[in-house]
Amino acid sequence: MEIWINPACSKCRSALSLLDEEGAQYTIRHYLEEPPTVRELEEMLRRLGLEPWDIARVGEPVAAELGMASWPCDERNRGRWVEAMAAHPVLIQRPIITADDGTAVVGRSPESVRSVLPRAEHPAGEPS
């Protein structure tokens, strides 16, 4: 499992605390220091089942500078969104957690973080 975080983000810190409480094994990627490539973003979007505008932080100052709020959210402009997020990773919503089973979530709530944790094994006859 990998988690993309900004250490200054309270949602990221909460997600890390929850992963630690659950004993999850994970690696941390400080995505502002080690920005994802266009290819990595495309793969992450595929795993999330989302479009780039779904995970864009359009309230960031750089988004205003780029005029992102007026960009069309369509297939023709999809690459423009991804390239902007690769060039300016602060535009990427956080934290993003990739699970070992290939799924991924934007872990902004405890429920979304828990959704990527491996399910505990229960012996036959015990409730799950």
N, C-alpha and C. Protein backbone atom coordinates (compact mmCIF):
# COMPACT_ATOMS: atom_id res chain seq x y z
N MET A 1 0.85 -1.17 0.00
CA MET A 1 0.00 0.00 0.00
C MET A 1 0.89 1.23 0.00
N GLU A 2 0.46 2.23 -0.77
CA GLU A 2 1.19 3.49 -0.82
C GLU A 2 0.20 4.62 -0.56
N ILE A 3 0.66 5.66 0.13
CA ILE A 3 -0.18 6.82 0.39
C ILE A 3 0.57 8.08 -0.05
N TRP A 4 -0.10 8.86 -0.90
CA TRP A 4 0.45 10.14 -1.35
C TRP A 4 -0.03 11.19 -0.37
N ILE A 5 0.92 11.88 0.26
CA ILE A 5 0.55 12.86 1.29
C ILE A 5 1.29 14.18 1.14
N ASN A 6 0.70 15.17 1.79
CA ASN A 6 1.33 16.44 2.08
C ASN A 6 1.36 16.47 3.61
N PRO A 7 2.54 16.44 4.23
CA PRO A 7 2.61 16.39 5.70
C PRO A 7 1.90 17.55 6.40
N ALA A 8 1.70 18.68 5.72
CA ALA A 8 1.02 19.82 6.32
C ALA A 8 -0.51 19.66 6.32
N CYS A 9 -1.01 18.62 5.67
CA CYS A 9 -2.45 18.41 5.51
C CYS A 9 -3.02 17.60 6.67
N SER A 10 -4.04 18.13 7.33
CA SER A 10 -4.64 17.42 8.46
C SER A 10 -5.32 16.12 8.03
N LYS A 11 -5.92 16.09 6.85
CA LYS A 11 -6.57 14.85 6.36
C LYS A 11 -5.51 13.77 6.13
N CYS A 12 -4.34 14.17 5.66
CA CYS A 12 -3.25 13.21 5.45
C CYS A 12 -2.77 12.65 6.78
N ARG A 13 -2.60 13.53 7.76
CA ARG A 13 -2.15 13.08 9.08
C ARG A 13 -3.19 12.15 9.71
N SER A 14 -4.46 12.46 9.54
CA SER A 14 -5.53 11.60 10.07
C SER A 14 -5.50 10.23 9.40
N ALA A 15 -5.30 10.21 8.09
CA ALA A 15 -5.25 8.94 7.36
C ALA A 15 -4.07 8.10 7.84
N LEU A 16 -2.92 8.74 8.03
CA LEU A 16 -1.75 8.00 8.52
C LEU A 16 -2.00 7.44 9.91
N SER A 17 -2.62 8.22 10.78
CA SER A 17 -2.93 7.74 12.14
C SER A 17 -3.84 6.53 12.09
N LEU A 18 -4.85 6.57 11.23
CA LEU A 18 -5.78 5.45 11.11
C LEU A 18 -5.06 4.22 10.56
N LEU A 19 -4.22 4.40 9.55
CA LEU A 19 -3.47 3.26 9.02
C LEU A 19 -2.58 2.65 10.10
N ASP A 20 -1.95 3.52 10.90
CA ASP A 20 -1.10 3.03 11.99
C ASP A 20 -1.93 2.28 13.04
N GLU A 21 -3.08 2.82 13.40
CA GLU A 21 -3.96 2.16 14.38
C GLU A 21 -4.38 0.77 13.91
N GLU A 22 -4.58 0.63 12.60
CA GLU A 22 -5.01 -0.64 12.03
C GLU A 22 -3.84 -1.58 11.73
N GLY A 23 -2.62 -1.11 11.98
CA GLY A 23 -1.45 -1.95 11.74
C GLY A 23 -1.15 -2.18 10.26
N ALA A 24 -1.59 -1.27 9.42
CA ALA A 24 -1.38 -1.41 7.97
C ALA A 24 0.09 -1.20 7.61
N GLN A 25 0.52 -1.93 6.61
CA GLN A 25 1.87 -1.76 6.07
C GLN A 25 1.74 -0.82 4.87
N TYR A 26 2.51 0.26 4.85
CA TYR A 26 2.41 1.20 3.75
C TYR A 26 3.72 1.94 3.56
N THR A 27 3.84 2.55 2.39
CA THR A 27 4.94 3.45 2.12
C THR A 27 4.34 4.83 1.88
N ILE A 28 5.10 5.83 2.23
CA ILE A 28 4.67 7.21 2.09
C ILE A 28 5.35 7.83 0.88
N ARG A 29 4.56 8.54 0.09
CA ARG A 29 5.12 9.34 -1.00
C ARG A 29 4.74 10.79 -0.73
N HIS A 30 5.74 11.60 -0.55
CA HIS A 30 5.53 13.04 -0.39
C HIS A 30 5.41 13.59 -1.82
N TYR A 31 4.19 13.60 -2.32
CA TYR A 31 3.99 13.86 -3.74
C TYR A 31 4.31 15.30 -4.18
N LEU A 32 4.43 16.22 -3.23
CA LEU A 32 4.87 17.56 -3.60
C LEU A 32 6.37 17.59 -3.87
N GLU A 33 7.12 16.74 -3.17
CA GLU A 33 8.57 16.65 -3.35
C GLU A 33 8.93 15.67 -4.46
N GLU A 34 8.10 14.65 -4.65
CA GLU A 34 8.31 13.63 -5.68
C GLU A 34 7.04 13.55 -6.52
N PRO A 35 6.84 14.55 -7.39
CA PRO A 35 5.59 14.64 -8.15
C PRO A 35 5.37 13.43 -9.06
N PRO A 36 4.12 13.01 -9.18
CA PRO A 36 3.82 11.92 -10.10
C PRO A 36 3.95 12.40 -11.55
N THR A 37 4.30 11.48 -12.42
CA THR A 37 4.38 11.77 -13.84
C THR A 37 2.97 11.73 -14.43
N VAL A 38 2.85 12.18 -15.65
CA VAL A 38 1.56 12.08 -16.36
C VAL A 38 1.12 10.63 -16.39
N ARG A 39 2.03 9.72 -16.68
CA ARG A 39 1.69 8.29 -16.74
C ARG A 39 1.20 7.79 -15.38
N GLU A 40 1.89 8.17 -14.29
CA GLU A 40 1.46 7.75 -12.96
C GLU A 40 0.08 8.33 -12.61
N LEU A 41 -0.16 9.56 -12.99
CA LEU A 41 -1.47 10.16 -12.73
C LEU A 41 -2.56 9.44 -13.52
N GLU A 42 -2.28 9.12 -14.77
CA GLU A 42 -3.27 8.39 -15.58
C GLU A 42 -3.59 7.03 -14.94
N GLU A 43 -2.56 6.35 -14.46
CA GLU A 43 -2.77 5.05 -13.81
C GLU A 43 -3.56 5.22 -12.52
N MET A 44 -3.23 6.25 -11.75
CA MET A 44 -3.95 6.48 -10.50
C MET A 44 -5.42 6.79 -10.78
N LEU A 45 -5.68 7.61 -11.78
CA LEU A 45 -7.06 7.93 -12.14
C LEU A 45 -7.82 6.68 -12.56
N ARG A 46 -7.15 5.79 -13.30
CA ARG A 46 -7.77 4.53 -13.70
C ARG A 46 -8.14 3.72 -12.46
N ARG A 47 -7.21 3.63 -11.51
CA ARG A 47 -7.45 2.86 -10.28
C ARG A 47 -8.55 3.49 -9.44
N LEU A 48 -8.60 4.80 -9.42
CA LEU A 48 -9.63 5.51 -8.66
C LEU A 48 -11.00 5.44 -9.34
N GLY A 49 -10.98 5.27 -10.66
CA GLY A 49 -12.23 5.31 -11.42
C GLY A 49 -12.77 6.73 -11.52
N LEU A 50 -11.85 7.71 -11.54
CA LEU A 50 -12.23 9.12 -11.55
C LEU A 50 -11.58 9.84 -12.73
N GLU A 51 -12.05 11.03 -12.98
CA GLU A 51 -11.47 11.90 -14.00
C GLU A 51 -10.56 12.91 -13.30
N PRO A 52 -9.63 13.54 -14.03
CA PRO A 52 -8.70 14.46 -13.37
C PRO A 52 -9.40 15.62 -12.66
N TRP A 53 -10.47 16.15 -13.23
CA TRP A 53 -11.17 17.26 -12.58
C TRP A 53 -11.85 16.83 -11.29
N ASP A 54 -12.05 15.51 -11.11
CA ASP A 54 -12.64 15.00 -9.87
C ASP A 54 -11.67 15.10 -8.69
N ILE A 55 -10.37 15.10 -8.98
CA ILE A 55 -9.38 15.14 -7.90
C ILE A 55 -8.54 16.41 -7.94
N ALA A 56 -8.97 17.39 -8.72
CA ALA A 56 -8.22 18.65 -8.83
C ALA A 56 -8.62 19.60 -7.70
N ARG A 57 -7.64 20.25 -7.16
CA ARG A 57 -7.85 21.26 -6.12
C ARG A 57 -7.91 22.63 -6.80
N VAL A 58 -9.08 22.97 -7.33
CA VAL A 58 -9.22 24.19 -8.11
C VAL A 58 -9.23 25.46 -7.26
N GLY A 59 -9.23 25.30 -5.95
CA GLY A 59 -9.15 26.45 -5.07
C GLY A 59 -7.74 26.93 -4.80
N GLU A 60 -6.75 26.19 -5.28
CA GLU A 60 -5.36 26.57 -5.08
C GLU A 60 -5.01 27.81 -5.92
N PRO A 61 -4.11 28.66 -5.42
CA PRO A 61 -3.72 29.85 -6.19
C PRO A 61 -3.22 29.53 -7.60
N VAL A 62 -2.46 28.46 -7.75
CA VAL A 62 -1.95 28.12 -9.09
C VAL A 62 -3.10 27.75 -10.03
N ALA A 63 -4.17 27.17 -9.51
CA ALA A 63 -5.33 26.85 -10.34
C ALA A 63 -5.96 28.15 -10.86
N ALA A 64 -6.02 29.16 -10.01
CA ALA A 64 -6.55 30.45 -10.44
C ALA A 64 -5.65 31.07 -11.50
N GLU A 65 -4.33 30.98 -11.30
CA GLU A 65 -3.39 31.51 -12.28
C GLU A 65 -3.57 30.84 -13.63
N LEU A 66 -3.84 29.53 -13.62
CA LEU A 66 -4.02 28.78 -14.86
C LEU A 66 -5.42 28.94 -15.45
N GLY A 67 -6.36 29.45 -14.65
CA GLY A 67 -7.73 29.59 -15.11
C GLY A 67 -8.48 28.27 -15.17
N MET A 68 -8.09 27.33 -14.32
CA MET A 68 -8.66 25.97 -14.37
C MET A 68 -10.17 25.94 -14.17
N ALA A 69 -10.71 26.86 -13.39
CA ALA A 69 -12.14 26.84 -13.12
C ALA A 69 -12.96 26.96 -14.40
N SER A 70 -12.37 27.52 -15.44
CA SER A 70 -13.09 27.68 -16.70
C SER A 70 -12.77 26.57 -17.71
N TRP A 71 -11.87 25.64 -17.35
CA TRP A 71 -11.53 24.57 -18.29
C TRP A 71 -12.68 23.59 -18.41
N PRO A 72 -13.02 23.20 -19.63
CA PRO A 72 -14.07 22.20 -19.81
C PRO A 72 -13.66 20.86 -19.18
N CYS A 73 -14.64 20.20 -18.59
CA CYS A 73 -14.43 18.87 -18.00
C CYS A 73 -14.92 17.85 -19.03
N ASP A 74 -14.09 17.64 -20.05
CA ASP A 74 -14.46 16.71 -21.10
C ASP A 74 -13.22 15.98 -21.62
N GLU A 75 -13.45 14.96 -22.42
CA GLU A 75 -12.36 14.12 -22.92
C GLU A 75 -11.33 14.92 -23.71
N ARG A 76 -11.80 15.91 -24.46
CA ARG A 76 -10.88 16.70 -25.27
C ARG A 76 -9.88 17.47 -24.42
N ASN A 77 -10.28 17.87 -23.23
CA ASN A 77 -9.42 18.65 -22.33
C ASN A 77 -8.79 17.82 -21.21
N ARG A 78 -9.06 16.53 -21.19
CA ARG A 78 -8.57 15.67 -20.11
C ARG A 78 -7.05 15.74 -19.96
N GLY A 79 -6.33 15.65 -21.05
CA GLY A 79 -4.87 15.71 -21.01
C GLY A 79 -4.35 17.01 -20.42
N ARG A 80 -5.04 18.09 -20.70
CA ARG A 80 -4.66 19.39 -20.16
C ARG A 80 -4.72 19.37 -18.64
N TRP A 81 -5.77 18.77 -18.10
CA TRP A 81 -5.92 18.65 -16.64
C TRP A 81 -4.79 17.82 -16.04
N VAL A 82 -4.53 16.66 -16.64
CA VAL A 82 -3.49 15.76 -16.12
C VAL A 82 -2.12 16.42 -16.19
N GLU A 83 -1.82 17.06 -17.29
CA GLU A 83 -0.52 17.72 -17.44
C GLU A 83 -0.36 18.85 -16.41
N ALA A 84 -1.43 19.58 -16.15
CA ALA A 84 -1.35 20.66 -15.14
C ALA A 84 -1.07 20.07 -13.76
N MET A 85 -1.71 18.96 -13.42
CA MET A 85 -1.48 18.35 -12.11
C MET A 85 -0.09 17.75 -12.00
N ALA A 86 0.45 17.23 -13.09
CA ALA A 86 1.81 16.71 -13.07
C ALA A 86 2.82 17.86 -12.90
N ALA A 87 2.54 18.98 -13.54
CA ALA A 87 3.43 20.14 -13.44
C ALA A 87 3.29 20.87 -12.10
N HIS A 88 2.09 20.80 -11.52
CA HIS A 88 1.80 21.50 -10.27
C HIS A 88 1.10 20.52 -9.32
N PRO A 89 1.85 19.63 -8.66
CA PRO A 89 1.21 18.58 -7.86
C PRO A 89 0.35 19.10 -6.71
N VAL A 90 0.49 20.36 -6.32
CA VAL A 90 -0.37 20.92 -5.27
C VAL A 90 -1.84 20.88 -5.72
N LEU A 91 -2.07 20.72 -7.00
CA LEU A 91 -3.43 20.67 -7.54
C LEU A 91 -4.10 19.32 -7.32
N ILE A 92 -3.36 18.32 -6.83
CA ILE A 92 -3.90 16.97 -6.65
C ILE A 92 -4.51 16.84 -5.26
N GLN A 93 -5.74 16.37 -5.24
CA GLN A 93 -6.43 16.11 -3.97
C GLN A 93 -5.64 15.09 -3.15
N ARG A 94 -5.73 15.17 -1.85
CA ARG A 94 -4.95 14.29 -0.97
C ARG A 94 -5.75 13.91 0.25
N PRO A 95 -5.34 12.85 0.90
CA PRO A 95 -4.34 11.84 0.51
C PRO A 95 -4.95 10.85 -0.49
N ILE A 96 -4.10 10.28 -1.30
CA ILE A 96 -4.52 9.21 -2.20
C ILE A 96 -3.82 7.95 -1.73
N ILE A 97 -4.61 6.90 -1.55
CA ILE A 97 -4.09 5.63 -1.05
C ILE A 97 -4.31 4.56 -2.11
N THR A 98 -3.24 3.85 -2.43
CA THR A 98 -3.35 2.71 -3.34
C THR A 98 -3.21 1.44 -2.53
N ALA A 99 -4.15 0.55 -2.73
CA ALA A 99 -4.15 -0.72 -2.00
C ALA A 99 -3.41 -1.78 -2.81
N ASP A 100 -2.99 -2.81 -2.11
CA ASP A 100 -2.27 -3.90 -2.76
C ASP A 100 -3.14 -4.66 -3.77
N ASP A 101 -4.46 -4.59 -3.63
CA ASP A 101 -5.34 -5.31 -4.54
C ASP A 101 -5.63 -4.53 -5.83
N GLY A 102 -4.99 -3.37 -5.99
CA GLY A 102 -5.17 -2.60 -7.22
C GLY A 102 -6.18 -1.47 -7.10
N THR A 103 -6.91 -1.41 -6.00
CA THR A 103 -7.86 -0.34 -5.82
C THR A 103 -7.16 0.90 -5.27
N ALA A 104 -7.86 2.01 -5.30
CA ALA A 104 -7.32 3.25 -4.76
C ALA A 104 -8.49 4.11 -4.29
N VAL A 105 -8.20 4.99 -3.35
CA VAL A 105 -9.20 5.93 -2.84
C VAL A 105 -8.54 7.26 -2.54
N VAL A 106 -9.36 8.30 -2.57
CA VAL A 106 -8.97 9.58 -2.00
C VAL A 106 -9.41 9.46 -0.55
N GLY A 107 -8.44 9.37 0.36
CA GLY A 107 -8.71 9.04 1.75
C GLY A 107 -9.02 10.22 2.63
N ARG A 108 -10.05 10.98 2.31
CA ARG A 108 -10.39 12.17 3.08
C ARG A 108 -11.32 11.87 4.24
N SER A 109 -11.84 10.65 4.32
CA SER A 109 -12.69 10.28 5.46
C SER A 109 -12.17 8.96 6.03
N PRO A 110 -12.46 8.69 7.31
CA PRO A 110 -12.05 7.41 7.89
C PRO A 110 -12.63 6.22 7.11
N GLU A 111 -13.86 6.37 6.62
CA GLU A 111 -14.50 5.28 5.88
C GLU A 111 -13.74 4.96 4.59
N SER A 112 -13.30 6.00 3.87
CA SER A 112 -12.57 5.75 2.64
C SER A 112 -11.21 5.12 2.92
N VAL A 113 -10.56 5.53 3.99
CA VAL A 113 -9.26 4.93 4.36
C VAL A 113 -9.48 3.45 4.70
N ARG A 114 -10.49 3.17 5.52
CA ARG A 114 -10.75 1.77 5.91
C ARG A 114 -11.13 0.91 4.71
N SER A 115 -11.69 1.50 3.67
CA SER A 115 -12.15 0.71 2.52
C SER A 115 -11.02 0.03 1.77
N VAL A 116 -9.79 0.50 1.94
CA VAL A 116 -8.67 -0.13 1.24
C VAL A 116 -7.85 -1.04 2.15
N LEU A 117 -8.25 -1.16 3.41
CA LEU A 117 -7.54 -2.06 4.31
C LEU A 117 -7.95 -3.50 4.01
N PRO A 118 -7.00 -4.42 4.09
CA PRO A 118 -7.36 -5.83 3.88
C PRO A 118 -8.41 -6.25 4.91
N ARG A 119 -9.36 -7.03 4.47
CA ARG A 119 -10.41 -7.53 5.37
C ARG A 119 -9.82 -8.61 6.27
N ALA A 120 -10.18 -8.56 7.54
CA ALA A 120 -9.69 -9.56 8.49
C ALA A 120 -10.32 -10.91 8.17
N GLU A 121 -9.53 -11.93 8.33
CA GLU A 121 -10.01 -13.30 8.13
C GLU A 121 -10.79 -13.74 9.36
N HIS A 122 -11.93 -14.34 9.15
CA HIS A 122 -12.74 -14.85 10.27
C HIS A 122 -12.92 -16.35 10.11
N PRO A 123 -12.67 -17.12 11.18
CA PRO A 123 -12.89 -18.57 11.10
C PRO A 123 -14.36 -18.85 10.78
N ALA A 124 -14.60 -20.00 10.17
CA ALA A 124 -15.96 -20.41 9.81
C ALA A 124 -16.87 -20.33 11.02
N GLY A 125 -18.08 -19.82 10.82
CA GLY A 125 -19.05 -19.73 11.88
C GLY A 125 -19.01 -18.46 12.69
N GLU A 126 -17.93 -17.68 12.55
CA GLU A 126 -17.85 -16.42 13.28
C GLU A 126 -18.35 -15.30 12.39
N PRO A 127 -19.08 -14.37 12.95
CA PRO A 127 -19.55 -13.25 12.14
C PRO A 127 -18.39 -12.39 11.66
N SER A 128 -18.57 -11.81 10.49
CA SER A 128 -17.52 -10.94 9.96
C SER A 128 -17.84 -9.49 10.21
